[in-house]
N, C-alpha and C. Protein backbone atom coordinates (compact mmCIF):
# COMPACT_ATOMS: atom_id res chain seq x y z
N MET A 1 -109.15 -206.82 -61.20
CA MET A 1 -109.64 -208.13 -60.81
C MET A 1 -109.79 -208.19 -59.29
N ASN A 2 -110.91 -208.69 -58.84
CA ASN A 2 -111.19 -208.78 -57.41
C ASN A 2 -110.53 -210.02 -56.83
N THR A 3 -109.57 -209.82 -55.92
CA THR A 3 -108.90 -210.93 -55.27
C THR A 3 -109.42 -211.13 -53.85
N LEU A 4 -110.41 -210.36 -53.45
CA LEU A 4 -110.95 -210.45 -52.12
C LEU A 4 -112.00 -211.55 -52.06
N THR A 5 -112.06 -212.23 -50.93
CA THR A 5 -113.08 -213.26 -50.75
C THR A 5 -113.91 -212.93 -49.52
N PHE A 6 -115.20 -213.10 -49.66
CA PHE A 6 -116.14 -212.83 -48.59
C PHE A 6 -116.69 -214.14 -48.07
N ASN A 7 -116.71 -214.30 -46.76
CA ASN A 7 -117.22 -215.51 -46.12
C ASN A 7 -118.68 -215.68 -46.48
N PRO A 8 -119.04 -216.78 -47.18
CA PRO A 8 -120.43 -216.95 -47.60
C PRO A 8 -121.43 -216.99 -46.44
N ALA A 9 -121.06 -217.57 -45.31
CA ALA A 9 -121.98 -217.63 -44.17
C ALA A 9 -122.22 -216.24 -43.60
N GLU A 10 -121.18 -215.45 -43.53
CA GLU A 10 -121.28 -214.12 -42.94
C GLU A 10 -121.95 -213.11 -43.86
N PHE A 11 -121.79 -213.30 -45.15
CA PHE A 11 -122.30 -212.33 -46.12
C PHE A 11 -123.43 -212.89 -46.99
N ALA A 12 -124.12 -213.91 -46.49
CA ALA A 12 -125.22 -214.52 -47.24
C ALA A 12 -126.26 -213.45 -47.59
N GLY A 13 -126.63 -213.41 -48.86
CA GLY A 13 -127.63 -212.45 -49.32
C GLY A 13 -127.07 -211.10 -49.71
N ALA A 14 -125.80 -210.87 -49.46
CA ALA A 14 -125.18 -209.58 -49.79
C ALA A 14 -124.64 -209.61 -51.22
N SER A 15 -124.76 -208.51 -51.88
CA SER A 15 -124.21 -208.36 -53.21
C SER A 15 -122.69 -208.17 -53.10
N GLU A 16 -121.94 -209.07 -53.72
CA GLU A 16 -120.49 -208.96 -53.68
C GLU A 16 -120.03 -207.65 -54.32
N GLU A 17 -120.75 -207.19 -55.33
CA GLU A 17 -120.41 -205.92 -55.98
C GLU A 17 -120.56 -204.76 -55.00
N GLU A 18 -121.62 -204.79 -54.20
CA GLU A 18 -121.82 -203.70 -53.24
C GLU A 18 -120.77 -203.75 -52.13
N LEU A 19 -120.42 -204.94 -51.69
CA LEU A 19 -119.36 -205.07 -50.68
C LEU A 19 -118.04 -204.53 -51.22
N LEU A 20 -117.72 -204.91 -52.45
CA LEU A 20 -116.49 -204.42 -53.07
C LEU A 20 -116.53 -202.90 -53.21
N HIS A 21 -117.69 -202.36 -53.56
CA HIS A 21 -117.83 -200.90 -53.67
C HIS A 21 -117.55 -200.23 -52.33
N GLN A 22 -118.06 -200.81 -51.24
CA GLN A 22 -117.81 -200.27 -49.90
C GLN A 22 -116.31 -200.24 -49.61
N ILE A 23 -115.63 -201.30 -49.97
CA ILE A 23 -114.19 -201.37 -49.70
C ILE A 23 -113.43 -200.38 -50.56
N GLU A 24 -113.83 -200.24 -51.80
CA GLU A 24 -113.18 -199.26 -52.68
C GLU A 24 -113.41 -197.84 -52.18
N GLU A 25 -114.60 -197.55 -51.68
CA GLU A 25 -114.88 -196.23 -51.12
C GLU A 25 -114.05 -196.01 -49.85
N HIS A 26 -113.94 -197.04 -49.04
CA HIS A 26 -113.11 -196.97 -47.82
C HIS A 26 -111.66 -196.70 -48.21
N LYS A 27 -111.19 -197.37 -49.25
CA LYS A 27 -109.82 -197.18 -49.74
C LYS A 27 -109.62 -195.74 -50.21
N TYR A 28 -110.57 -195.24 -50.96
CA TYR A 28 -110.48 -193.86 -51.45
C TYR A 28 -110.38 -192.88 -50.28
N LEU A 29 -111.27 -193.03 -49.30
CA LEU A 29 -111.26 -192.11 -48.16
C LEU A 29 -109.98 -192.24 -47.33
N ALA A 30 -109.50 -193.46 -47.16
CA ALA A 30 -108.24 -193.65 -46.42
C ALA A 30 -107.08 -193.00 -47.15
N ASN A 31 -107.06 -193.13 -48.46
CA ASN A 31 -105.97 -192.56 -49.24
C ASN A 31 -105.97 -191.03 -49.24
N GLN A 32 -107.11 -190.43 -48.88
CA GLN A 32 -107.18 -188.97 -48.80
C GLN A 32 -106.45 -188.43 -47.57
N THR A 33 -106.23 -189.30 -46.58
CA THR A 33 -105.66 -188.85 -45.31
C THR A 33 -104.21 -189.27 -45.10
N ILE A 34 -103.62 -189.97 -46.06
CA ILE A 34 -102.23 -190.42 -45.91
C ILE A 34 -101.44 -190.06 -47.16
N PRO A 35 -100.13 -189.95 -47.05
CA PRO A 35 -99.32 -189.50 -48.18
C PRO A 35 -98.93 -190.62 -49.17
N PHE A 36 -99.56 -191.78 -49.06
CA PHE A 36 -99.28 -192.87 -49.98
C PHE A 36 -100.59 -193.60 -50.25
N GLU A 37 -100.58 -194.50 -51.23
CA GLU A 37 -101.80 -195.22 -51.56
C GLU A 37 -101.77 -196.62 -50.98
N ILE A 38 -102.83 -196.99 -50.26
CA ILE A 38 -102.91 -198.34 -49.74
C ILE A 38 -103.50 -199.27 -50.80
N SER A 39 -103.17 -200.53 -50.70
CA SER A 39 -103.67 -201.51 -51.66
C SER A 39 -105.11 -201.86 -51.33
N LEU A 40 -105.77 -202.51 -52.26
CA LEU A 40 -107.14 -202.96 -52.04
C LEU A 40 -107.17 -203.96 -50.89
N GLU A 41 -106.17 -204.81 -50.79
CA GLU A 41 -106.11 -205.79 -49.71
C GLU A 41 -105.96 -205.10 -48.35
N ASP A 42 -105.11 -204.06 -48.28
CA ASP A 42 -104.97 -203.30 -47.03
C ASP A 42 -106.27 -202.56 -46.70
N ALA A 43 -106.95 -202.06 -47.72
CA ALA A 43 -108.23 -201.39 -47.50
C ALA A 43 -109.27 -202.38 -46.98
N PHE A 44 -109.22 -203.61 -47.48
CA PHE A 44 -110.13 -204.66 -47.03
C PHE A 44 -109.89 -204.95 -45.54
N ASP A 45 -108.63 -205.06 -45.15
CA ASP A 45 -108.30 -205.29 -43.74
C ASP A 45 -108.77 -204.13 -42.87
N SER A 46 -108.55 -202.91 -43.33
CA SER A 46 -108.97 -201.72 -42.60
C SER A 46 -110.49 -201.65 -42.51
N TRP A 47 -111.18 -201.93 -43.60
CA TRP A 47 -112.64 -201.94 -43.62
C TRP A 47 -113.19 -202.97 -42.63
N ASN A 48 -112.57 -204.16 -42.61
CA ASN A 48 -112.99 -205.18 -41.66
C ASN A 48 -112.84 -204.70 -40.22
N LEU A 49 -111.76 -204.01 -39.94
CA LEU A 49 -111.47 -203.54 -38.59
C LEU A 49 -112.35 -202.35 -38.18
N LEU A 50 -112.54 -201.42 -39.08
CA LEU A 50 -113.20 -200.15 -38.73
C LEU A 50 -114.68 -200.06 -39.09
N VAL A 51 -115.12 -200.87 -40.04
CA VAL A 51 -116.50 -200.76 -40.50
C VAL A 51 -117.25 -202.08 -40.27
N HIS A 52 -116.85 -203.11 -40.98
CA HIS A 52 -117.58 -204.37 -40.91
C HIS A 52 -117.58 -204.97 -39.50
N GLY A 53 -116.44 -205.01 -38.86
CA GLY A 53 -116.35 -205.60 -37.53
C GLY A 53 -117.26 -204.92 -36.52
N PRO A 54 -117.12 -203.60 -36.34
CA PRO A 54 -117.99 -202.92 -35.37
C PRO A 54 -119.48 -203.03 -35.71
N LEU A 55 -119.81 -202.93 -36.98
CA LEU A 55 -121.23 -202.98 -37.36
C LEU A 55 -121.79 -204.39 -37.17
N SER A 56 -121.06 -205.40 -37.56
CA SER A 56 -121.52 -206.78 -37.37
C SER A 56 -121.67 -207.11 -35.89
N GLU A 57 -120.73 -206.64 -35.09
CA GLU A 57 -120.80 -206.86 -33.65
C GLU A 57 -122.02 -206.16 -33.05
N ALA A 58 -122.28 -204.94 -33.48
CA ALA A 58 -123.45 -204.20 -32.98
C ALA A 58 -124.75 -204.89 -33.39
N ILE A 59 -124.82 -205.39 -34.61
CA ILE A 59 -126.01 -206.10 -35.07
C ILE A 59 -126.25 -207.32 -34.19
N ALA A 60 -125.19 -208.07 -33.90
CA ALA A 60 -125.32 -209.26 -33.06
C ALA A 60 -125.66 -208.88 -31.62
N ASP A 61 -124.95 -207.90 -31.06
CA ASP A 61 -125.18 -207.49 -29.66
C ASP A 61 -126.59 -206.98 -29.42
N LYS A 62 -127.14 -206.29 -30.41
CA LYS A 62 -128.48 -205.70 -30.25
C LYS A 62 -129.59 -206.63 -30.71
N GLY A 63 -129.22 -207.83 -31.19
CA GLY A 63 -130.23 -208.80 -31.61
C GLY A 63 -131.03 -208.36 -32.82
N LEU A 64 -130.42 -207.58 -33.69
CA LEU A 64 -131.17 -207.00 -34.81
C LEU A 64 -131.70 -208.06 -35.78
N GLU A 65 -131.01 -209.18 -35.90
CA GLU A 65 -131.47 -210.22 -36.82
C GLU A 65 -132.87 -210.71 -36.47
N ARG A 66 -133.20 -210.71 -35.18
CA ARG A 66 -134.54 -211.14 -34.75
C ARG A 66 -135.62 -210.15 -35.20
N ALA A 67 -135.24 -208.91 -35.42
CA ALA A 67 -136.20 -207.88 -35.86
C ALA A 67 -136.47 -207.94 -37.35
N PHE A 68 -135.74 -208.81 -38.06
CA PHE A 68 -135.89 -208.93 -39.50
C PHE A 68 -135.92 -210.41 -39.89
N PRO A 69 -136.99 -211.11 -39.50
CA PRO A 69 -137.07 -212.54 -39.81
C PRO A 69 -137.05 -212.79 -41.31
N GLY A 70 -136.31 -213.80 -41.70
CA GLY A 70 -136.24 -214.17 -43.11
C GLY A 70 -135.25 -213.38 -43.94
N VAL A 71 -134.58 -212.41 -43.32
CA VAL A 71 -133.59 -211.61 -44.06
C VAL A 71 -132.22 -212.22 -43.84
N ALA A 72 -131.49 -212.45 -44.91
CA ALA A 72 -130.16 -213.04 -44.82
C ALA A 72 -129.20 -212.09 -44.10
N LYS A 73 -128.26 -212.67 -43.40
CA LYS A 73 -127.32 -211.92 -42.58
C LYS A 73 -126.58 -210.84 -43.37
N GLY A 74 -126.08 -211.19 -44.54
CA GLY A 74 -125.34 -210.23 -45.35
C GLY A 74 -126.21 -209.11 -45.89
N GLU A 75 -127.44 -209.45 -46.23
CA GLU A 75 -128.37 -208.43 -46.72
C GLU A 75 -128.69 -207.43 -45.61
N LEU A 76 -128.94 -207.93 -44.40
CA LEU A 76 -129.20 -207.05 -43.27
C LEU A 76 -128.00 -206.17 -42.99
N TYR A 77 -126.80 -206.75 -43.06
CA TYR A 77 -125.59 -205.96 -42.86
C TYR A 77 -125.54 -204.79 -43.84
N LEU A 78 -125.82 -205.06 -45.11
CA LEU A 78 -125.77 -203.98 -46.12
C LEU A 78 -126.82 -202.92 -45.84
N TRP A 79 -128.01 -203.31 -45.44
CA TRP A 79 -129.05 -202.33 -45.13
C TRP A 79 -128.59 -201.40 -44.01
N VAL A 80 -128.07 -202.00 -42.93
CA VAL A 80 -127.66 -201.19 -41.78
C VAL A 80 -126.43 -200.37 -42.13
N SER A 81 -125.55 -200.92 -42.92
CA SER A 81 -124.36 -200.19 -43.35
C SER A 81 -124.73 -198.94 -44.14
N ARG A 82 -125.69 -199.08 -45.05
CA ARG A 82 -126.17 -197.91 -45.81
C ARG A 82 -126.80 -196.89 -44.87
N HIS A 83 -127.58 -197.38 -43.91
CA HIS A 83 -128.23 -196.49 -42.95
C HIS A 83 -127.17 -195.72 -42.15
N TRP A 84 -126.15 -196.40 -41.68
CA TRP A 84 -125.06 -195.77 -40.93
C TRP A 84 -124.37 -194.70 -41.78
N HIS A 85 -124.13 -195.04 -43.02
CA HIS A 85 -123.49 -194.10 -43.96
C HIS A 85 -124.34 -192.83 -44.10
N TYR A 86 -125.66 -192.99 -44.28
CA TYR A 86 -126.53 -191.83 -44.44
C TYR A 86 -126.63 -191.02 -43.15
N MET A 87 -126.62 -191.70 -42.01
CA MET A 87 -126.62 -190.98 -40.74
C MET A 87 -125.39 -190.08 -40.65
N LYS A 88 -124.24 -190.61 -41.03
CA LYS A 88 -122.98 -189.86 -40.95
C LYS A 88 -122.96 -188.70 -41.94
N LYS A 89 -123.54 -188.90 -43.10
CA LYS A 89 -123.55 -187.84 -44.12
C LYS A 89 -124.60 -186.77 -43.84
N ASN A 90 -125.64 -187.11 -43.08
CA ASN A 90 -126.75 -186.18 -42.87
C ASN A 90 -126.83 -185.68 -41.44
N GLY A 91 -125.72 -185.13 -40.96
CA GLY A 91 -125.75 -184.43 -39.69
C GLY A 91 -125.30 -185.20 -38.47
N ARG A 92 -124.93 -186.48 -38.63
CA ARG A 92 -124.49 -187.26 -37.48
C ARG A 92 -123.14 -187.92 -37.78
N PRO A 93 -122.11 -187.13 -38.11
CA PRO A 93 -120.82 -187.74 -38.49
C PRO A 93 -120.19 -188.57 -37.38
N GLU A 94 -120.60 -188.33 -36.13
CA GLU A 94 -120.04 -189.06 -35.00
C GLU A 94 -120.84 -190.31 -34.66
N ALA A 95 -121.87 -190.63 -35.41
CA ALA A 95 -122.74 -191.77 -35.12
C ALA A 95 -121.92 -193.06 -35.04
N THR A 96 -122.19 -193.84 -34.00
CA THR A 96 -121.49 -195.11 -33.82
C THR A 96 -122.28 -196.24 -34.47
N ALA A 97 -121.64 -197.39 -34.58
CA ALA A 97 -122.31 -198.57 -35.13
C ALA A 97 -123.50 -198.95 -34.26
N ASP A 98 -123.34 -198.88 -32.94
CA ASP A 98 -124.44 -199.19 -32.03
C ASP A 98 -125.63 -198.27 -32.27
N GLU A 99 -125.36 -196.98 -32.41
CA GLU A 99 -126.43 -196.02 -32.65
C GLU A 99 -127.13 -196.30 -33.98
N ALA A 100 -126.37 -196.66 -34.99
CA ALA A 100 -126.95 -196.96 -36.30
C ALA A 100 -127.86 -198.18 -36.22
N VAL A 101 -127.44 -199.19 -35.49
CA VAL A 101 -128.26 -200.40 -35.36
C VAL A 101 -129.55 -200.10 -34.62
N LEU A 102 -129.47 -199.38 -33.50
CA LEU A 102 -130.67 -199.05 -32.74
C LEU A 102 -131.62 -198.17 -33.56
N ASP A 103 -131.07 -197.20 -34.28
CA ASP A 103 -131.89 -196.32 -35.10
C ASP A 103 -132.56 -197.10 -36.23
N PHE A 104 -131.82 -198.00 -36.85
CA PHE A 104 -132.37 -198.81 -37.93
C PHE A 104 -133.50 -199.70 -37.41
N GLY A 105 -133.27 -200.33 -36.26
CA GLY A 105 -134.31 -201.17 -35.66
C GLY A 105 -135.55 -200.37 -35.31
N ALA A 106 -135.35 -199.16 -34.79
CA ALA A 106 -136.48 -198.30 -34.41
C ALA A 106 -137.28 -197.84 -35.62
N LYS A 107 -136.63 -197.66 -36.73
CA LYS A 107 -137.32 -197.16 -37.92
C LYS A 107 -137.88 -198.25 -38.81
N PHE A 108 -137.20 -199.39 -38.86
CA PHE A 108 -137.57 -200.38 -39.87
C PHE A 108 -137.83 -201.79 -39.34
N GLY A 109 -137.71 -202.01 -38.05
CA GLY A 109 -137.93 -203.34 -37.48
C GLY A 109 -139.30 -203.90 -37.81
N HIS A 110 -139.40 -205.22 -37.82
CA HIS A 110 -140.64 -205.91 -38.15
C HIS A 110 -141.63 -205.79 -37.00
N GLY A 111 -142.68 -205.05 -37.20
CA GLY A 111 -143.73 -204.92 -36.20
C GLY A 111 -143.56 -203.70 -35.31
N VAL A 112 -144.68 -203.18 -34.87
CA VAL A 112 -144.72 -201.97 -34.03
C VAL A 112 -143.98 -202.18 -32.72
N LEU A 113 -144.20 -203.31 -32.07
CA LEU A 113 -143.55 -203.56 -30.78
C LEU A 113 -142.04 -203.65 -30.92
N THR A 114 -141.58 -204.25 -31.98
CA THR A 114 -140.14 -204.33 -32.22
C THR A 114 -139.55 -202.94 -32.41
N ARG A 115 -140.20 -202.13 -33.24
CA ARG A 115 -139.72 -200.77 -33.47
C ARG A 115 -139.73 -199.96 -32.17
N LEU A 116 -140.79 -200.12 -31.38
CA LEU A 116 -140.88 -199.42 -30.10
C LEU A 116 -139.76 -199.85 -29.16
N GLY A 117 -139.48 -201.14 -29.12
CA GLY A 117 -138.39 -201.64 -28.28
C GLY A 117 -137.06 -201.04 -28.65
N TYR A 118 -136.78 -200.95 -29.93
CA TYR A 118 -135.52 -200.35 -30.38
C TYR A 118 -135.50 -198.84 -30.12
N ALA A 119 -136.65 -198.20 -30.26
CA ALA A 119 -136.72 -196.76 -29.99
C ALA A 119 -136.43 -196.49 -28.52
N LEU A 120 -136.97 -197.30 -27.64
CA LEU A 120 -136.70 -197.14 -26.21
C LEU A 120 -135.24 -197.41 -25.87
N ARG A 121 -134.66 -198.42 -26.50
CA ARG A 121 -133.24 -198.72 -26.28
C ARG A 121 -132.37 -197.59 -26.82
N ARG A 122 -132.81 -196.99 -27.91
CA ARG A 122 -132.07 -195.86 -28.50
C ARG A 122 -132.09 -194.67 -27.54
N LEU A 123 -133.25 -194.42 -26.94
CA LEU A 123 -133.37 -193.31 -25.99
C LEU A 123 -132.53 -193.55 -24.73
N ALA A 124 -132.45 -194.80 -24.31
CA ALA A 124 -131.72 -195.13 -23.08
C ALA A 124 -130.20 -195.15 -23.29
N ALA A 125 -129.79 -195.23 -24.53
CA ALA A 125 -128.33 -195.34 -24.83
C ALA A 125 -127.61 -194.03 -24.62
């Protein structure tokens, strides 16, 4: 049973099932590195600190929401989160949340000028 609650304003448009899956995957990976099993609630806190917090902050700092008009905040978060995950799995394990946001904006932002702006910011970073 899921006892976790997601802030509706922060996760608008996000699939609760996908968010829960992210936390369960985070829990699994955390449990691989320690000699005991953390609870789902502890994994949620860790996920907030290490994944959701940095990525949400990077999205806000880089103004990514403006590059995706009409997309709900939670939906955009999930898109960028998946992108960050694939970057890490496909040759960039050290990729930061900031790098993921800039790369996502450069590849998928609304309009050529938006994508170009993010590409230039990515190069300057």
